[in-house]
Amino acid sequence: MGIIATQFLWNSKKTTSADSSVPVTAASALASAYETPLGLQATSQQNRLDIRWNPDAPAVAAAVKGTLIISGATDAVLFDSRELKSGYLAYTPRTNDISIRFEVTAADGASTAETIRVVAIP
């Protein structure tokens, strides 16, 4: 079963850095696609999704709580600061079209969120 995560945004096939004389390689452009505030990703495994985030991201490291909301199944998972450090949740999907919203909240009430959509290919 294949998965498409619509986390990737492609502006063009050829990308250059701020200094137009130095081209950005495809590998570095792809690496920057993973550099999001929370590093939220989903990977398909047999009968489950591996949902990961970057526990070392500043917003996650400073968080006192987090919430992972999985729509399509309408499940919510709450995390405390200790559980956020794991950076991982295995989830058994009940549908082939899932939106995952991950939000973390710091002690001062500031929150950071990311959303990805995962679609199973029949």
PDB file of N, CA and C in Angstrom:
ATOM      1  N   MET A   1       0.854  -1.170   0.000  1.00  0.00           N
ATOM      2  CA  MET A   1       0.000   0.000   0.000  1.00  0.00           C
ATOM      3  C   MET A   1       0.894   1.224   0.000  1.00  0.00           C
ATOM      4  N   GLY A   2       0.682   2.100  -0.911  1.00  0.00           N
ATOM      5  CA  GLY A   2       1.479   3.312  -0.983  1.00  0.00           C
ATOM      6  C   GLY A   2       0.779   4.448  -0.275  1.00  0.00           C
ATOM      7  N   ILE A   3       1.535   5.424   0.125  1.00  0.00           N
ATOM      8  CA  ILE A   3       0.989   6.593   0.820  1.00  0.00           C
ATOM      9  C   ILE A   3       1.533   7.842   0.157  1.00  0.00           C
ATOM     10  N   ILE A   4       0.682   8.807   0.009  1.00  0.00           N
ATOM     11  CA  ILE A   4       1.125  10.109  -0.463  1.00  0.00           C
ATOM     12  C   ILE A   4       0.896  11.087   0.673  1.00  0.00           C
ATOM     13  N   ALA A   5       1.913  11.747   1.136  1.00  0.00           N
ATOM     14  CA  ALA A   5       1.766  12.776   2.165  1.00  0.00           C
ATOM     15  C   ALA A   5       1.886  14.118   1.482  1.00  0.00           C
ATOM     16  N   THR A   6       0.875  14.918   1.603  1.00  0.00           N
ATOM     17  CA  THR A   6       0.874  16.185   0.884  1.00  0.00           C
ATOM     18  C   THR A   6       1.621  17.268   1.645  1.00  0.00           C
ATOM     19  N   GLN A   7       2.611  16.851   2.374  1.00  0.00           N
ATOM     20  CA  GLN A   7       3.449  17.777   3.104  1.00  0.00           C
ATOM     21  C   GLN A   7       4.417  18.479   2.167  1.00  0.00           C
ATOM     22  N   PHE A   8       4.713  17.882   1.007  1.00  0.00           N
ATOM     23  CA  PHE A   8       5.712  18.419   0.094  1.00  0.00           C
ATOM     24  C   PHE A   8       5.112  19.521  -0.765  1.00  0.00           C
ATOM     25  N   LEU A   9       5.801  20.608  -0.863  1.00  0.00           N
ATOM     26  CA  LEU A   9       5.392  21.696  -1.738  1.00  0.00           C
ATOM     27  C   LEU A   9       6.506  21.916  -2.733  1.00  0.00           C
ATOM     28  N   TRP A  10       6.178  21.855  -4.011  1.00  0.00           N
ATOM     29  CA  TRP A  10       7.190  22.026  -5.053  1.00  0.00           C
ATOM     30  C   TRP A  10       6.871  23.309  -5.812  1.00  0.00           C
ATOM     31  N   ASN A  11       7.752  24.270  -5.744  1.00  0.00           N
ATOM     32  CA  ASN A  11       7.545  25.523  -6.460  1.00  0.00           C
ATOM     33  C   ASN A  11       7.959  25.410  -7.912  1.00  0.00           C
ATOM     34  N   SER A  12       9.052  24.699  -8.168  1.00  0.00           N
ATOM     35  CA  SER A  12       9.507  24.494  -9.534  1.00  0.00           C
ATOM     36  C   SER A  12      10.473  23.334  -9.547  1.00  0.00           C
ATOM     37  N   LYS A  13      10.786  22.853 -10.737  1.00  0.00           N
ATOM     38  CA  LYS A  13      11.716  21.735 -10.833  1.00  0.00           C
ATOM     39  C   LYS A  13      13.144  22.164 -10.594  1.00  0.00           C
ATOM     40  N   LYS A  14      13.482  23.420 -10.912  1.00  0.00           N
ATOM     41  CA  LYS A  14      14.837  23.906 -10.704  1.00  0.00           C
ATOM     42  C   LYS A  14      14.789  25.044  -9.692  1.00  0.00           C
ATOM     43  N   THR A  15      15.518  24.901  -8.595  1.00  0.00           N
ATOM     44  CA  THR A  15      15.513  25.887  -7.538  1.00  0.00           C
ATOM     45  C   THR A  15      16.920  26.424  -7.360  1.00  0.00           C
ATOM     46  N   THR A  16      17.017  27.715  -7.112  1.00  0.00           N
ATOM     47  CA  THR A  16      18.324  28.295  -6.844  1.00  0.00           C
ATOM     48  C   THR A  16      18.287  28.993  -5.501  1.00  0.00           C
ATOM     49  N   SER A  17      19.455  29.179  -4.912  1.00  0.00           N
ATOM     50  CA  SER A  17      19.551  29.846  -3.620  1.00  0.00           C
ATOM     51  C   SER A  17      19.427  31.349  -3.813  1.00  0.00           C
ATOM     52  N   ALA A  18      19.519  32.113  -2.703  1.00  0.00           N
ATOM     53  CA  ALA A  18      19.440  33.567  -2.773  1.00  0.00           C
ATOM     54  C   ALA A  18      20.533  34.123  -3.674  1.00  0.00           C
ATOM     55  N   ASP A  19      21.718  33.503  -3.664  1.00  0.00           N
ATOM     56  CA  ASP A  19      22.786  33.863  -4.583  1.00  0.00           C
ATOM     57  C   ASP A  19      22.539  33.034  -5.833  1.00  0.00           C
ATOM     58  N   SER A  20      21.996  33.646  -6.880  1.00  0.00           N
ATOM     59  CA  SER A  20      21.552  32.882  -8.050  1.00  0.00           C
ATOM     60  C   SER A  20      22.676  32.172  -8.777  1.00  0.00           C
ATOM     61  N   SER A  21      23.929  32.460  -8.439  1.00  0.00           N
ATOM     62  CA  SER A  21      25.031  31.769  -9.093  1.00  0.00           C
ATOM     63  C   SER A  21      25.290  30.398  -8.473  1.00  0.00           C
ATOM     64  N   VAL A  22      24.650  30.111  -7.321  1.00  0.00           N
ATOM     65  CA  VAL A  22      24.863  28.837  -6.637  1.00  0.00           C
ATOM     66  C   VAL A  22      23.561  28.055  -6.653  1.00  0.00           C
ATOM     67  N   PRO A  23      23.449  27.009  -7.486  1.00  0.00           N
ATOM     68  CA  PRO A  23      22.198  26.248  -7.535  1.00  0.00           C
ATOM     69  C   PRO A  23      22.020  25.392  -6.287  1.00  0.00           C
ATOM     70  N   VAL A  24      20.777  25.232  -5.896  1.00  0.00           N
ATOM     71  CA  VAL A  24      20.435  24.350  -4.785  1.00  0.00           C
ATOM     72  C   VAL A  24      20.206  22.973  -5.372  1.00  0.00           C
ATOM     73  N   THR A  25      20.849  21.955  -4.825  1.00  0.00           N
ATOM     74  CA  THR A  25      20.682  20.606  -5.360  1.00  0.00           C
ATOM     75  C   THR A  25      19.307  20.070  -5.015  1.00  0.00           C
ATOM     76  N   ALA A  26      18.864  19.068  -5.740  1.00  0.00           N
ATOM     77  CA  ALA A  26      17.572  18.445  -5.459  1.00  0.00           C
ATOM     78  C   ALA A  26      17.558  17.871  -4.051  1.00  0.00           C
ATOM     79  N   ALA A  27      18.688  17.314  -3.607  1.00  0.00           N
ATOM     80  CA  ALA A  27      18.759  16.730  -2.264  1.00  0.00           C
ATOM     81  C   ALA A  27      18.579  17.803  -1.197  1.00  0.00           C
ATOM     82  N   SER A  28      19.208  18.970  -1.369  1.00  0.00           N
ATOM     83  CA  SER A  28      19.053  20.008  -0.351  1.00  0.00           C
ATOM     84  C   SER A  28      17.661  20.619  -0.399  1.00  0.00           C
ATOM     85  N   ALA A  29      17.046  20.692  -1.583  1.00  0.00           N
ATOM     86  CA  ALA A  29      15.675  21.185  -1.677  1.00  0.00           C
ATOM     87  C   ALA A  29      14.727  20.222  -0.981  1.00  0.00           C
ATOM     88  N   LEU A  30      14.940  18.918  -1.160  1.00  0.00           N
ATOM     89  CA  LEU A  30      14.110  17.929  -0.502  1.00  0.00           C
ATOM     90  C   LEU A  30      14.324  17.966   1.003  1.00  0.00           C
ATOM     91  N   ALA A  31      15.569  18.127   1.448  1.00  0.00           N
ATOM     92  CA  ALA A  31      15.857  18.200   2.880  1.00  0.00           C
ATOM     93  C   ALA A  31      15.128  19.373   3.506  1.00  0.00           C
ATOM     94  N   SER A  32      15.063  20.505   2.805  1.00  0.00           N
ATOM     95  CA  SER A  32      14.378  21.659   3.374  1.00  0.00           C
ATOM     96  C   SER A  32      12.876  21.431   3.472  1.00  0.00           C
ATOM     97  N   ALA A  33      12.310  20.531   2.666  1.00  0.00           N
ATOM     98  CA  ALA A  33      10.889  20.214   2.765  1.00  0.00           C
ATOM     99  C   ALA A  33      10.570  19.550   4.099  1.00  0.00           C
ATOM    100  N   TYR A  34      11.542  18.890   4.700  1.00  0.00           N
ATOM    101  CA  TYR A  34      11.336  18.246   5.990  1.00  0.00           C
ATOM    102  C   TYR A  34      11.578  19.196   7.161  1.00  0.00           C
ATOM    103  N   GLU A  35      12.142  20.364   6.893  1.00  0.00           N
ATOM    104  CA  GLU A  35      12.445  21.305   7.949  1.00  0.00           C
ATOM    105  C   GLU A  35      11.221  22.168   8.237  1.00  0.00           C
ATOM    106  N   THR A  36      10.291  21.605   8.966  1.00  0.00           N
ATOM    107  CA  THR A  36       9.084  22.303   9.356  1.00  0.00           C
ATOM    108  C   THR A  36       9.139  22.521  10.868  1.00  0.00           C
ATOM    109  N   PRO A  37       8.299  23.385  11.404  1.00  0.00           N
ATOM    110  CA  PRO A  37       8.400  23.694  12.838  1.00  0.00           C
ATOM    111  C   PRO A  37       8.330  22.477  13.765  1.00  0.00           C
ATOM    112  N   LEU A  38       7.564  21.466  13.382  1.00  0.00           N
ATOM    113  CA  LEU A  38       7.418  20.278  14.234  1.00  0.00           C
ATOM    114  C   LEU A  38       7.990  19.016  13.600  1.00  0.00           C
ATOM    115  N   GLY A  39       8.308  19.054  12.325  1.00  0.00           N
ATOM    116  CA  GLY A  39       8.854  17.889  11.638  1.00  0.00           C
ATOM    117  C   GLY A  39       7.856  16.755  11.492  1.00  0.00           C
ATOM    118  N   LEU A  40       6.584  17.071  11.370  1.00  0.00           N
ATOM    119  CA  LEU A  40       5.530  16.055  11.288  1.00  0.00           C
ATOM    120  C   LEU A  40       5.637  15.263   9.987  1.00  0.00           C
ATOM    121  N   GLN A  41       5.615  13.932  10.110  1.00  0.00           N
ATOM    122  CA  GLN A  41       5.686  13.015   8.965  1.00  0.00           C
ATOM    123  C   GLN A  41       4.836  11.784   9.255  1.00  0.00           C
ATOM    124  N   ALA A  42       4.354  11.141   8.206  1.00  0.00           N
ATOM    125  CA  ALA A  42       3.634   9.870   8.340  1.00  0.00           C
ATOM    126  C   ALA A  42       4.181   8.905   7.308  1.00  0.00           C
ATOM    127  N   THR A  43       4.447   7.670   7.738  1.00  0.00           N
ATOM    128  CA  THR A  43       4.982   6.638   6.863  1.00  0.00           C
ATOM    129  C   THR A  43       4.081   5.417   6.948  1.00  0.00           C
ATOM    130  N   SER A  44       3.740   4.870   5.796  1.00  0.00           N
ATOM    131  CA  SER A  44       2.885   3.689   5.741  1.00  0.00           C
ATOM    132  C   SER A  44       3.680   2.430   6.045  1.00  0.00           C
ATOM    133  N   GLN A  45       3.156   1.638   6.920  1.00  0.00           N
ATOM    134  CA  GLN A  45       3.661   0.300   7.213  1.00  0.00           C
ATOM    135  C   GLN A  45       2.474  -0.649   7.010  1.00  0.00           C
ATOM    136  N   GLN A  46       2.718  -1.930   7.036  1.00  0.00           N
ATOM    137  CA  GLN A  46       1.609  -2.865   6.854  1.00  0.00           C
ATOM    138  C   GLN A  46       0.607  -2.689   7.993  1.00  0.00           C
ATOM    139  N   ASN A  47      -0.623  -2.331   7.646  1.00  0.00           N
ATOM    140  CA  ASN A  47      -1.739  -2.170   8.581  1.00  0.00           C
ATOM    141  C   ASN A  47      -1.560  -1.055   9.609  1.00  0.00           C
ATOM    142  N   ARG A  48      -0.627  -0.103   9.392  1.00  0.00           N
ATOM    143  CA  ARG A  48      -0.486   0.993  10.345  1.00  0.00           C
ATOM    144  C   ARG A  48       0.218   2.176   9.685  1.00  0.00           C
ATOM    145  N   LEU A  49       0.076   3.311  10.335  1.00  0.00           N
ATOM    146  CA  LEU A  49       0.825   4.502   9.977  1.00  0.00           C
ATOM    147  C   LEU A  49       1.801   4.787  11.101  1.00  0.00           C
ATOM    148  N   ASP A  50       3.034   5.064  10.761  1.00  0.00           N
ATOM    149  CA  ASP A  50       4.007   5.536  11.739  1.00  0.00           C
ATOM    150  C   ASP A  50       3.994   7.054  11.642  1.00  0.00           C
ATOM    151  N   ILE A  51       3.533   7.699  12.685  1.00  0.00           N
ATOM    152  CA  ILE A  51       3.467   9.152  12.734  1.00  0.00           C
ATOM    153  C   ILE A  51       4.628   9.628  13.587  1.00  0.00           C
ATOM    154  N   ARG A  52       5.449  10.501  13.018  1.00  0.00           N
ATOM    155  CA  ARG A  52       6.644  10.982  13.709  1.00  0.00           C
ATOM    156  C   ARG A  52       6.690  12.498  13.694  1.00  0.00           C
ATOM    157  N   TRP A  53       7.333  13.038  14.718  1.00  0.00           N
ATOM    158  CA  TRP A  53       7.621  14.460  14.796  1.00  0.00           C
ATOM    159  C   TRP A  53       9.019  14.595  15.374  1.00  0.00           C
ATOM    160  N   ASN A  54       9.577  15.783  15.280  1.00  0.00           N
ATOM    161  CA  ASN A  54      10.936  16.011  15.752  1.00  0.00           C
ATOM    162  C   ASN A  54      10.904  16.449  17.215  1.00  0.00           C
ATOM    163  N   PRO A  55      11.281  15.578  18.152  1.00  0.00           N
ATOM    164  CA  PRO A  55      11.252  15.956  19.565  1.00  0.00           C
ATOM    165  C   PRO A  55      12.285  17.027  19.921  1.00  0.00           C
ATOM    166  N   ASP A  56      13.265  17.237  19.032  1.00  0.00           N
ATOM    167  CA  ASP A  56      14.282  18.265  19.273  1.00  0.00           C
ATOM    168  C   ASP A  56      13.919  19.616  18.663  1.00  0.00           C
ATOM    169  N   ALA A  57      12.810  19.692  17.950  1.00  0.00           N
ATOM    170  CA  ALA A  57      12.371  20.974  17.402  1.00  0.00           C
ATOM    171  C   ALA A  57      12.104  21.922  18.574  1.00  0.00           C
ATOM    172  N   PRO A  58      12.496  23.175  18.458  1.00  0.00           N
ATOM    173  CA  PRO A  58      12.328  24.106  19.583  1.00  0.00           C
ATOM    174  C   PRO A  58      10.901  24.164  20.136  1.00  0.00           C
ATOM    175  N   ALA A  59       9.890  24.162  19.275  1.00  0.00           N
ATOM    176  CA  ALA A  59       8.506  24.228  19.749  1.00  0.00           C
ATOM    177  C   ALA A  59       8.116  22.981  20.530  1.00  0.00           C
ATOM    178  N   VAL A  60       8.608  21.812  20.110  1.00  0.00           N
ATOM    179  CA  VAL A  60       8.292  20.560  20.810  1.00  0.00           C
ATOM    180  C   VAL A  60       9.062  20.487  22.127  1.00  0.00           C
ATOM    181  N   ALA A  61      10.334  20.846  22.102  1.00  0.00           N
ATOM    182  CA  ALA A  61      11.161  20.791  23.313  1.00  0.00           C
ATOM    183  C   ALA A  61      10.622  21.710  24.402  1.00  0.00           C
ATOM    184  N   ALA A  62      10.029  22.846  24.021  1.00  0.00           N
ATOM    185  CA  ALA A  62       9.504  23.806  24.994  1.00  0.00           C
ATOM    186  C   ALA A  62       8.057  23.522  25.394  1.00  0.00           C
ATOM    187  N   ALA A  63       7.431  22.545  24.746  1.00  0.00           N
ATOM    188  CA  ALA A  63       6.004  22.288  24.971  1.00  0.00           C
ATOM    189  C   ALA A  63       5.739  21.593  26.303  1.00  0.00           C
ATOM    190  N   VAL A  64       4.612  21.954  26.913  1.00  0.00           N
ATOM    191  CA  VAL A  64       4.152  21.283  28.126  1.00  0.00           C
ATOM    192  C   VAL A  64       3.046  20.291  27.804  1.00  0.00           C
ATOM    193  N   LYS A  65       2.444  20.434  26.608  1.00  0.00           N
ATOM    194  CA  LYS A  65       1.419  19.483  26.179  1.00  0.00           C
ATOM    195  C   LYS A  65       1.321  19.496  24.668  1.00  0.00           C
ATOM    196  N   GLY A  66       0.727  18.435  24.148  1.00  0.00           N
ATOM    197  CA  GLY A  66       0.526  18.324  22.717  1.00  0.00           C
ATOM    198  C   GLY A  66      -0.743  17.563  22.423  1.00  0.00           C
ATOM    199  N   THR A  67      -1.286  17.791  21.247  1.00  0.00           N
ATOM    200  CA  THR A  67      -2.490  17.094  20.806  1.00  0.00           C
ATOM    201  C   THR A  67      -2.296  16.662  19.366  1.00  0.00           C
ATOM    202  N   LEU A  68      -2.595  15.415  19.097  1.00  0.00           N
ATOM    203  CA  LEU A  68      -2.561  14.871  17.743  1.00  0.00           C
ATOM    204  C   LEU A  68      -3.999  14.525  17.393  1.00  0.00           C
ATOM    205  N   ILE A  69      -4.555  15.210  16.397  1.00  0.00           N
ATOM    206  CA  ILE A  69      -5.935  14.965  15.985  1.00  0.00           C
ATOM    207  C   ILE A  69      -5.910  14.296  14.618  1.00  0.00           C
ATOM    208  N   ILE A  70      -6.542  13.145  14.531  1.00  0.00           N
ATOM    209  CA  ILE A  70      -6.574  12.374  13.298  1.00  0.00           C
ATOM    210  C   ILE A  70      -8.009  12.400  12.791  1.00  0.00           C
ATOM    211  N   SER A  71      -8.238  13.162  11.719  1.00  0.00           N
ATOM    212  CA  SER A  71      -9.581  13.223  11.157  1.00  0.00           C
ATOM    213  C   SER A  71      -9.735  12.120  10.122  1.00  0.00           C
ATOM    214  N   GLY A  72     -10.947  11.835   9.777  1.00  0.00           N
ATOM    215  CA  GLY A  72     -11.219  10.672   8.952  1.00  0.00           C
ATOM    216  C   GLY A  72     -11.598   9.535   9.885  1.00  0.00           C
ATOM    217  N   ALA A  73     -11.082   9.582  11.088  1.00  0.00           N
ATOM    218  CA  ALA A  73     -11.443   8.641  12.138  1.00  0.00           C
ATOM    219  C   ALA A  73     -11.870   9.412  13.383  1.00  0.00           C
ATOM    220  N   THR A  74     -11.605  10.699  13.412  1.00  0.00           N
ATOM    221  CA  THR A  74     -11.903  11.594  14.519  1.00  0.00           C
ATOM    222  C   THR A  74     -11.342  11.072  15.836  1.00  0.00           C
ATOM    223  N   ASP A  75     -10.067  10.782  15.831  1.00  0.00           N
ATOM    224  CA  ASP A  75      -9.366  10.371  17.040  1.00  0.00           C
ATOM    225  C   ASP A  75      -8.478  11.519  17.504  1.00  0.00           C
ATOM    226  N   ALA A  76      -8.346  11.663  18.819  1.00  0.00           N
ATOM    227  CA  ALA A  76      -7.434  12.660  19.380  1.00  0.00           C
ATOM    228  C   ALA A  76      -6.562  11.969  20.415  1.00  0.00           C
ATOM    229  N   VAL A  77      -5.280  12.267  20.365  1.00  0.00           N
ATOM    230  CA  VAL A  77      -4.329  11.706  21.318  1.00  0.00           C
ATOM    231  C   VAL A  77      -3.675  12.883  22.032  1.00  0.00           C
ATOM    232  N   LEU A  78      -3.718  12.879  23.363  1.00  0.00           N
ATOM    233  CA  LEU A  78      -3.116  13.941  24.159  1.00  0.00           C
ATOM    234  C   LEU A  78      -1.766  13.478  24.680  1.00  0.00           C
ATOM    235  N   PHE A  79      -0.794  14.388  24.695  1.00  0.00           N
ATOM    236  CA  PHE A  79       0.557  14.086  25.160  1.00  0.00           C
ATOM    237  C   PHE A  79       0.955  15.076  26.241  1.00  0.00           C
ATOM    238  N   ASP A  80       1.696  14.598  27.241  1.00  0.00           N
ATOM    239  CA  ASP A  80       2.338  15.528  28.167  1.00  0.00           C
ATOM    240  C   ASP A  80       3.763  15.757  27.667  1.00  0.00           C
ATOM    241  N   SER A  81       4.512  16.615  28.351  1.00  0.00           N
ATOM    242  CA  SER A  81       5.855  16.968  27.868  1.00  0.00           C
ATOM    243  C   SER A  81       6.776  15.753  27.791  1.00  0.00           C
ATOM    244  N   ARG A  82       6.620  14.816  28.699  1.00  0.00           N
ATOM    245  CA  ARG A  82       7.449  13.603  28.685  1.00  0.00           C
ATOM    246  C   ARG A  82       7.129  12.746  27.465  1.00  0.00           C
ATOM    247  N   GLU A  83       5.861  12.576  27.150  1.00  0.00           N
ATOM    248  CA  GLU A  83       5.455  11.760  26.006  1.00  0.00           C
ATOM    249  C   GLU A  83       5.830  12.400  24.668  1.00  0.00           C
ATOM    250  N   LEU A  84       5.886  13.723  24.628  1.00  0.00           N
ATOM    251  CA  LEU A  84       6.285  14.414  23.397  1.00  0.00           C
ATOM    252  C   LEU A  84       7.716  14.080  23.000  1.00  0.00           C
ATOM    253  N   LYS A  85       8.546  13.741  23.975  1.00  0.00           N
ATOM    254  CA  LYS A  85       9.952  13.422  23.713  1.00  0.00           C
ATOM    255  C   LYS A  85      10.131  12.126  22.919  1.00  0.00           C
ATOM    256  N   SER A  86       9.112  11.280  22.885  1.00  0.00           N
ATOM    257  CA  SER A  86       9.227  10.019  22.132  1.00  0.00           C
ATOM    258  C   SER A  86       9.302  10.286  20.626  1.00  0.00           C
ATOM    259  N   GLY A  87       8.589  11.309  20.142  1.00  0.00           N
ATOM    260  CA  GLY A  87       8.618  11.645  18.729  1.00  0.00           C
ATOM    261  C   GLY A  87       7.912  10.649  17.824  1.00  0.00           C
ATOM    262  N   TYR A  88       7.041   9.795  18.383  1.00  0.00           N
ATOM    263  CA  TYR A  88       6.500   8.696  17.586  1.00  0.00           C
ATOM    264  C   TYR A  88       5.146   8.230  18.109  1.00  0.00           C
ATOM    265  N   LEU A  89       4.269   7.868  17.163  1.00  0.00           N
ATOM    266  CA  LEU A  89       3.012   7.213  17.489  1.00  0.00           C
ATOM    267  C   LEU A  89       2.677   6.262  16.351  1.00  0.00           C
ATOM    268  N   ALA A  90       2.366   5.015  16.656  1.00  0.00           N
ATOM    269  CA  ALA A  90       1.883   4.053  15.656  1.00  0.00           C
ATOM    270  C   ALA A  90       0.359   4.125  15.691  1.00  0.00           C
ATOM    271  N   TYR A  91      -0.244   4.204  14.509  1.00  0.00           N
ATOM    272  CA  TYR A  91      -1.691   4.361  14.416  1.00  0.00           C
ATOM    273  C   TYR A  91      -2.245   3.410  13.367  1.00  0.00           C
ATOM    274  N   THR A  92      -3.332   2.730  13.700  1.00  0.00           N
ATOM    275  CA  THR A  92      -4.004   1.845  12.750  1.00  0.00           C
ATOM    276  C   THR A  92      -5.157   2.616  12.125  1.00  0.00           C
ATOM    277  N   PRO A  93      -5.033   2.985  10.857  1.00  0.00           N
ATOM    278  CA  PRO A  93      -6.074   3.800  10.221  1.00  0.00           C
ATOM    279  C   PRO A  93      -7.344   3.004   9.948  1.00  0.00           C
ATOM    280  N   ARG A  94      -8.474   3.717  10.000  1.00  0.00           N
ATOM    281  CA  ARG A  94      -9.762   3.103   9.704  1.00  0.00           C
ATOM    282  C   ARG A  94     -10.308   3.546   8.358  1.00  0.00           C
ATOM    283  N   THR A  95      -9.563   4.431   7.706  1.00  0.00           N
ATOM    284  CA  THR A  95      -9.973   4.948   6.411  1.00  0.00           C
ATOM    285  C   THR A  95      -8.716   5.195   5.581  1.00  0.00           C
ATOM    286  N   ASN A  96      -8.883   5.375   4.284  1.00  0.00           N
ATOM    287  CA  ASN A  96      -7.707   5.579   3.436  1.00  0.00           C
ATOM    288  C   ASN A  96      -7.414   7.049   3.154  1.00  0.00           C
ATOM    289  N   ASP A  97      -8.136   7.964   3.784  1.00  0.00           N
ATOM    290  CA  ASP A  97      -7.909   9.402   3.620  1.00  0.00           C
ATOM    291  C   ASP A  97      -7.914  10.037   5.003  1.00  0.00           C
ATOM    292  N   ILE A  98      -6.738  10.437   5.466  1.00  0.00           N
ATOM    293  CA  ILE A  98      -6.583  10.898   6.843  1.00  0.00           C
ATOM    294  C   ILE A  98      -5.873  12.252   6.856  1.00  0.00           C
ATOM    295  N   SER A  99      -6.385  13.169   7.655  1.00  0.00           N
ATOM    296  CA  SER A  99      -5.675  14.410   7.951  1.00  0.00           C
ATOM    297  C   SER A  99      -5.160  14.315   9.375  1.00  0.00           C
ATOM    298  N   ILE A 100      -3.903  14.676   9.546  1.00  0.00           N
ATOM    299  CA  ILE A 100      -3.271  14.609  10.863  1.00  0.00           C
ATOM    300  C   ILE A 100      -2.869  16.024  11.251  1.00  0.00           C
ATOM    301  N   ARG A 101      -3.391  16.502  12.370  1.00  0.00           N
ATOM    302  CA  ARG A 101      -3.029  17.819  12.896  1.00  0.00           C
ATOM    303  C   ARG A 101      -2.319  17.607  14.225  1.00  0.00           C
ATOM    304  N   PHE A 102      -1.125  18.161  14.317  1.00  0.00           N
ATOM    305  CA  PHE A 102      -0.313  18.040  15.525  1.00  0.00           C
ATOM    306  C   PHE A 102      -0.084  19.442  16.063  1.00  0.00           C
ATOM    307  N   GLU A 103      -0.466  19.670  17.311  1.00  0.00           N
ATOM    308  CA  GLU A 103      -0.316  20.978  17.936  1.00  0.00           C
ATOM    309  C   GLU A 103       0.364  20.820  19.286  1.00  0.00           C
ATOM    310  N   VAL A 104       1.351  21.667  19.536  1.00  0.00           N
ATOM    311  CA  VAL A 104       2.027  21.678  20.837  1.00  0.00           C
ATOM    312  C   VAL A 104       1.841  23.050  21.467  1.00  0.00           C
ATOM    313  N   THR A 105       1.785  23.065  22.795  1.00  0.00           N
ATOM    314  CA  THR A 105       1.564  24.300  23.537  1.00  0.00           C
ATOM    315  C   THR A 105       2.648  24.467  24.586  1.00  0.00           C
ATOM    316  N   ALA A 106       3.266  25.650  24.617  1.00  0.00           N
ATOM    317  CA  ALA A 106       4.306  25.970  25.593  1.00  0.00           C
ATOM    318  C   ALA A 106       3.663  26.447  26.898  1.00  0.00           C
ATOM    319  N   ALA A 107       4.475  26.573  27.938  1.00  0.00           N
ATOM    320  CA  ALA A 107       3.991  27.000  29.254  1.00  0.00           C
ATOM    321  C   ALA A 107       3.339  28.382  29.203  1.00  0.00           C
ATOM    322  N   ASP A 108       3.804  29.251  28.304  1.00  0.00           N
ATOM    323  CA  ASP A 108       3.233  30.601  28.194  1.00  0.00           C
ATOM    324  C   ASP A 108       1.960  30.649  27.355  1.00  0.00           C
ATOM    325  N   GLY A 109       1.493  29.492  26.870  1.00  0.00           N
ATOM    326  CA  GLY A 109       0.266  29.410  26.091  1.00  0.00           C
ATOM    327  C   GLY A 109       0.468  29.502  24.593  1.00  0.00           C
ATOM    328  N   ALA A 110       1.693  29.810  24.149  1.00  0.00           N
ATOM    329  CA  ALA A 110       1.969  29.874  22.712  1.00  0.00           C
ATOM    330  C   ALA A 110       1.856  28.472  22.121  1.00  0.00           C
ATOM    331  N   SER A 111       1.224  28.384  20.948  1.00  0.00           N
ATOM    332  CA  SER A 111       1.075  27.067  20.326  1.00  0.00           C
ATOM    333  C   SER A 111       1.618  27.086  18.907  1.00  0.00           C
ATOM    334  N   THR A 112       2.050  25.905  18.463  1.00  0.00           N
ATOM    335  CA  THR A 112       2.549  25.688  17.116  1.00  0.00           C
ATOM    336  C   THR A 112       1.853  24.446  16.586  1.00  0.00           C
ATOM    337  N   ALA A 113       1.409  24.489  15.331  1.00  0.00           N
ATOM    338  CA  ALA A 113       0.670  23.358  14.761  1.00  0.00           C
ATOM    339  C   ALA A 113       1.131  23.070  13.340  1.00  0.00           C
ATOM    340  N   GLU A 114       0.992  21.815  12.954  1.00  0.00           N
ATOM    341  CA  GLU A 114       1.233  21.374  11.575  1.00  0.00           C
ATOM    342  C   GLU A 114       0.138  20.389  11.214  1.00  0.00           C
ATOM    343  N   THR A 115      -0.199  20.369   9.940  1.00  0.00           N
ATOM    344  CA  THR A 115      -1.198  19.439   9.438  1.00  0.00           C
ATOM    345  C   THR A 115      -0.664  18.788   8.173  1.00  0.00           C
ATOM    346  N   ILE A 116      -0.848  17.483   8.059  1.00  0.00           N
ATOM    347  CA  ILE A 116      -0.537  16.774   6.829  1.00  0.00           C
ATOM    348  C   ILE A 116      -1.733  15.909   6.463  1.00  0.00           C
ATOM    349  N   ARG A 117      -1.822  15.554   5.211  1.00  0.00           N
ATOM    350  CA  ARG A 117      -2.877  14.662   4.740  1.00  0.00           C
ATOM    351  C   ARG A 117      -2.231  13.429   4.158  1.00  0.00           C
ATOM    352  N   VAL A 118      -2.764  12.273   4.496  1.00  0.00           N
ATOM    353  CA  VAL A 118      -2.252  10.999   4.027  1.00  0.00           C
ATOM    354  C   VAL A 118      -3.376  10.287   3.287  1.00  0.00           C
ATOM    355  N   VAL A 119      -3.080   9.870   2.054  1.00  0.00           N
ATOM    356  CA  VAL A 119      -4.073   9.194   1.228  1.00  0.00           C
ATOM    357  C   VAL A 119      -3.499   7.859   0.773  1.00  0.00           C
ATOM    358  N   ALA A 120      -4.217   6.783   1.058  1.00  0.00           N
ATOM    359  CA  ALA A 120      -3.780   5.456   0.617  1.00  0.00           C
ATOM    360  C   ALA A 120      -4.109   5.299  -0.862  1.00  0.00           C
ATOM    361  N   ILE A 121      -3.208   4.713  -1.589  1.00  0.00           N
ATOM    362  CA  ILE A 121      -3.433   4.447  -2.998  1.00  0.00           C
ATOM    363  C   ILE A 121      -4.004   3.034  -3.129  1.00  0.00           C
ATOM    364  N   PRO A 122      -5.201   2.898  -3.756  1.00  0.00           N
ATOM    365  CA  PRO A 122      -5.809   1.552  -3.842  1.00  0.00           C
ATOM    366  C   PRO A 122      -5.009   0.599  -4.709  1.00  0.00           C
TER     367      PRO A 122
END
